[in-house]
Amino acid sequence: MRFRSPIAALSLFFALLVLTFADAKRGAYGAEVDDSAHAFVQDRHLGESLGWLGYQVASRTATFASIVEAIGKTQAQALVKDELERLQPEYQEQWDRNLAAAYAQFFSAEELRNMNSDNGAQMLANKLRAKQNDVGMDMKARSAELLKTYVSRALNNAQRTLEH
């Protein structure tokens, strides 16, 4: 690219420099929100529903029904719950990160820190209630495939134990 004047070249340089700093600032802010959101999810144990939700999904499948048919409802429930519990640590961190990202979409870093420290929890309670559905929908979009993989592995492992 050739410039007609040194001023044009300098102008482009400064424009690119400004864009670079703006992008770096946005990235740092995003990391701050992500860190705050992750701390909020971790400290409040908000991601612990993974095992329960996994069981809810698993118990509605044809695979689960076939396990029930083979060994009875009580044993099937115990087998699938045990397998979900065994696999949960492999999926928990990503689940928590997805949940943190969902919260970060709707709350600032400062809001998340305040909710986590109870400083502004009362003030933000209404916003939290108002945004809970949005956070849930965002989480569903982010984590549907993760949940599917988690449940499928657990059910396949449970079914394999019946074959041996």
Protein backbone atom coordinates (compact mmCIF):
# COMPACT_ATOMS: atom_id res chain seq x y z
CA MET A 1 0.00 0.00 0.00
CA ARG A 2 1.41 3.37 -1.00
CA PHE A 3 0.47 6.60 0.71
CA ARG A 4 0.30 9.94 -1.07
CA SER A 5 1.71 11.73 1.95
CA PRO A 6 3.47 10.98 5.19
CA ILE A 7 0.47 12.50 7.00
CA ALA A 8 -1.85 9.85 5.51
CA ALA A 9 0.52 7.10 6.63
CA LEU A 10 0.78 8.61 10.10
CA SER A 11 -3.00 8.96 10.33
CA LEU A 12 -3.48 5.29 9.45
CA PHE A 13 -0.84 4.31 11.99
CA PHE A 14 -2.58 6.26 14.77
CA ALA A 15 -5.99 4.90 13.78
CA LEU A 16 -4.67 1.34 13.99
CA LEU A 17 -2.97 2.13 17.30
CA VAL A 18 -6.23 3.47 18.77
CA LEU A 19 -8.14 0.40 17.55
CA THR A 20 -5.50 -1.90 19.04
CA PHE A 21 -5.69 -0.20 22.45
CA ALA A 22 -9.49 -0.15 22.38
CA ASP A 23 -9.54 -3.85 21.56
CA ALA A 24 -7.01 -4.61 24.32
CA LYS A 25 -9.09 -2.63 26.82
CA ARG A 26 -12.25 -4.50 25.76
CA GLY A 27 -10.38 -7.81 26.14
CA ALA A 28 -9.17 -6.88 29.62
CA TYR A 29 -12.69 -5.83 30.62
CA GLY A 30 -14.07 -9.09 29.22
CA ALA A 31 -11.52 -11.08 31.22
CA GLU A 32 -12.46 -9.14 34.36
CA VAL A 33 -16.14 -9.93 33.82
CA ASP A 34 -15.31 -13.57 33.11
CA ASP A 35 -13.17 -13.81 36.27
CA SER A 36 -15.90 -12.18 38.34
CA ALA A 37 -18.56 -14.40 36.81
CA HIS A 38 -16.48 -17.52 37.37
CA ALA A 39 -15.87 -16.55 41.00
CA PHE A 40 -19.61 -15.88 41.41
CA VAL A 41 -20.52 -19.32 40.00
CA GLN A 42 -17.81 -21.13 41.97
CA ASP A 43 -18.36 -19.39 45.32
CA ARG A 44 -22.13 -19.77 45.11
CA HIS A 45 -21.89 -23.39 43.88
CA LEU A 46 -24.28 -22.49 41.07
CA GLY A 47 -23.03 -25.21 38.73
CA GLU A 48 -23.70 -28.08 41.10
CA SER A 49 -26.96 -28.83 39.35
CA LEU A 50 -25.09 -30.65 36.57
CA GLY A 51 -25.54 -34.11 38.14
CA TRP A 52 -29.21 -33.54 38.95
CA LEU A 53 -29.95 -32.12 35.52
CA GLY A 54 -28.01 -34.95 33.90
CA TYR A 55 -30.17 -37.47 35.72
CA GLN A 56 -33.37 -35.63 34.70
CA VAL A 57 -32.32 -35.84 31.05
CA ALA A 58 -31.08 -39.42 31.31
CA SER A 59 -34.24 -40.70 33.00
CA ARG A 60 -36.34 -39.59 30.01
CA THR A 61 -34.42 -41.60 27.42
CA ALA A 62 -35.13 -44.91 25.74
CA THR A 63 -31.74 -46.14 26.95
CA PHE A 64 -32.72 -45.52 30.55
CA ALA A 65 -36.03 -47.34 29.94
CA SER A 66 -34.15 -50.34 28.58
CA ILE A 67 -31.90 -50.38 31.65
CA VAL A 68 -35.00 -50.24 33.89
CA GLU A 69 -36.48 -53.13 31.94
CA ALA A 70 -33.30 -55.16 32.38
CA ILE A 71 -32.63 -54.62 36.11
CA GLY A 72 -35.59 -52.77 37.61
CA LYS A 73 -36.22 -49.15 38.39
CA THR A 74 -34.35 -48.84 41.70
CA GLN A 75 -31.19 -50.52 40.42
CA ALA A 76 -31.34 -48.58 37.14
CA GLN A 77 -31.64 -45.30 39.02
CA ALA A 78 -28.68 -46.17 41.23
CA LEU A 79 -26.55 -47.37 38.31
CA VAL A 80 -27.17 -44.27 36.20
CA LYS A 81 -26.76 -41.87 39.14
CA ASP A 82 -23.47 -43.54 40.06
CA GLU A 83 -22.21 -43.28 36.50
CA LEU A 84 -23.24 -39.61 36.25
CA GLU A 85 -21.50 -38.92 39.55
CA ARG A 86 -18.35 -40.71 38.37
CA LEU A 87 -18.22 -38.68 35.13
CA GLN A 88 -19.27 -35.33 36.57
CA PRO A 89 -15.73 -34.10 37.41
CA GLU A 90 -14.80 -34.41 33.72
CA TYR A 91 -17.57 -32.01 32.73
CA GLN A 92 -17.97 -29.78 35.79
CA GLU A 93 -15.30 -27.19 34.96
CA GLN A 94 -16.64 -26.57 31.46
CA TRP A 95 -20.19 -26.46 32.83
CA ASP A 96 -19.13 -23.84 35.38
CA ARG A 97 -17.33 -21.82 32.71
CA ASN A 98 -20.39 -21.90 30.48
CA LEU A 99 -22.57 -20.76 33.36
CA ALA A 100 -20.10 -17.98 34.19
CA ALA A 101 -20.15 -16.86 30.55
CA ALA A 102 -23.95 -16.80 30.64
CA TYR A 103 -23.94 -14.58 33.74
CA ALA A 104 -21.26 -12.37 32.18
CA GLN A 105 -23.61 -11.65 29.29
CA PHE A 106 -26.09 -9.90 31.58
CA PHE A 107 -24.06 -8.55 34.52
CA SER A 108 -21.00 -6.32 34.77
CA ALA A 109 -17.87 -7.36 36.64
CA GLU A 110 -18.76 -4.93 39.43
CA GLU A 111 -22.30 -6.31 39.73
CA LEU A 112 -20.99 -9.87 39.89
CA ARG A 113 -18.42 -8.97 42.55
CA ASN A 114 -21.09 -7.17 44.59
CA MET A 115 -23.51 -10.10 44.35
CA ASN A 116 -20.76 -12.48 45.33
CA SER A 117 -19.69 -10.43 48.35
CA ASP A 118 -23.26 -9.61 49.43
CA ASN A 119 -22.36 -5.89 49.32
CA GLY A 120 -24.96 -5.11 46.72
CA ALA A 121 -26.85 -8.37 46.69
CA GLN A 122 -30.08 -6.79 47.89
CA MET A 123 -29.86 -3.99 45.34
CA LEU A 124 -29.16 -6.45 42.56
CA ALA A 125 -31.71 -9.07 43.66
CA ASN A 126 -34.38 -7.65 41.36
CA LYS A 127 -32.03 -7.58 38.39
CA LEU A 128 -30.93 -11.12 39.18
CA ARG A 129 -34.55 -12.30 39.24
CA ALA A 130 -35.34 -10.37 36.07
CA LYS A 131 -32.35 -11.80 34.19
CA GLN A 132 -32.53 -15.38 35.51
CA ASN A 133 -34.55 -16.60 32.51
CA ASP A 134 -32.13 -14.91 30.11
CA VAL A 135 -29.16 -16.47 31.89
CA GLY A 136 -30.90 -19.86 31.74
CA MET A 137 -31.59 -19.58 28.02
CA ASP A 138 -28.01 -18.50 27.36
CA MET A 139 -26.72 -21.39 29.46
CA LYS A 140 -28.95 -23.83 27.59
CA ALA A 141 -27.58 -22.63 24.26
CA ARG A 142 -23.99 -22.87 25.50
CA SER A 143 -24.28 -26.22 27.25
CA ALA A 144 -26.83 -28.37 25.42
CA GLU A 145 -24.12 -30.32 23.59
CA LEU A 146 -22.03 -30.70 26.76
CA LEU A 147 -25.04 -32.04 28.67
CA LYS A 148 -25.91 -34.40 25.81
CA THR A 149 -22.37 -35.79 25.72
CA TYR A 150 -22.24 -36.18 29.52
CA VAL A 151 -25.57 -38.03 29.67
CA SER A 152 -24.81 -40.19 26.62
CA ARG A 153 -21.51 -41.32 28.07
CA ALA A 154 -23.09 -42.13 31.42
CA LEU A 155 -25.93 -44.10 29.84
CA ASN A 156 -23.59 -45.97 27.49
CA ASN A 157 -21.30 -46.87 30.39
CA ALA A 158 -24.26 -48.00 32.49
CA GLN A 159 -25.56 -50.11 29.64
CA ARG A 160 -22.12 -51.67 29.09
CA THR A 161 -21.96 -52.77 32.73
CA LEU A 162 -25.13 -54.80 32.13
CA GLU A 163 -23.48 -56.64 29.24
CA HIS A 164 -20.60 -57.88 31.39
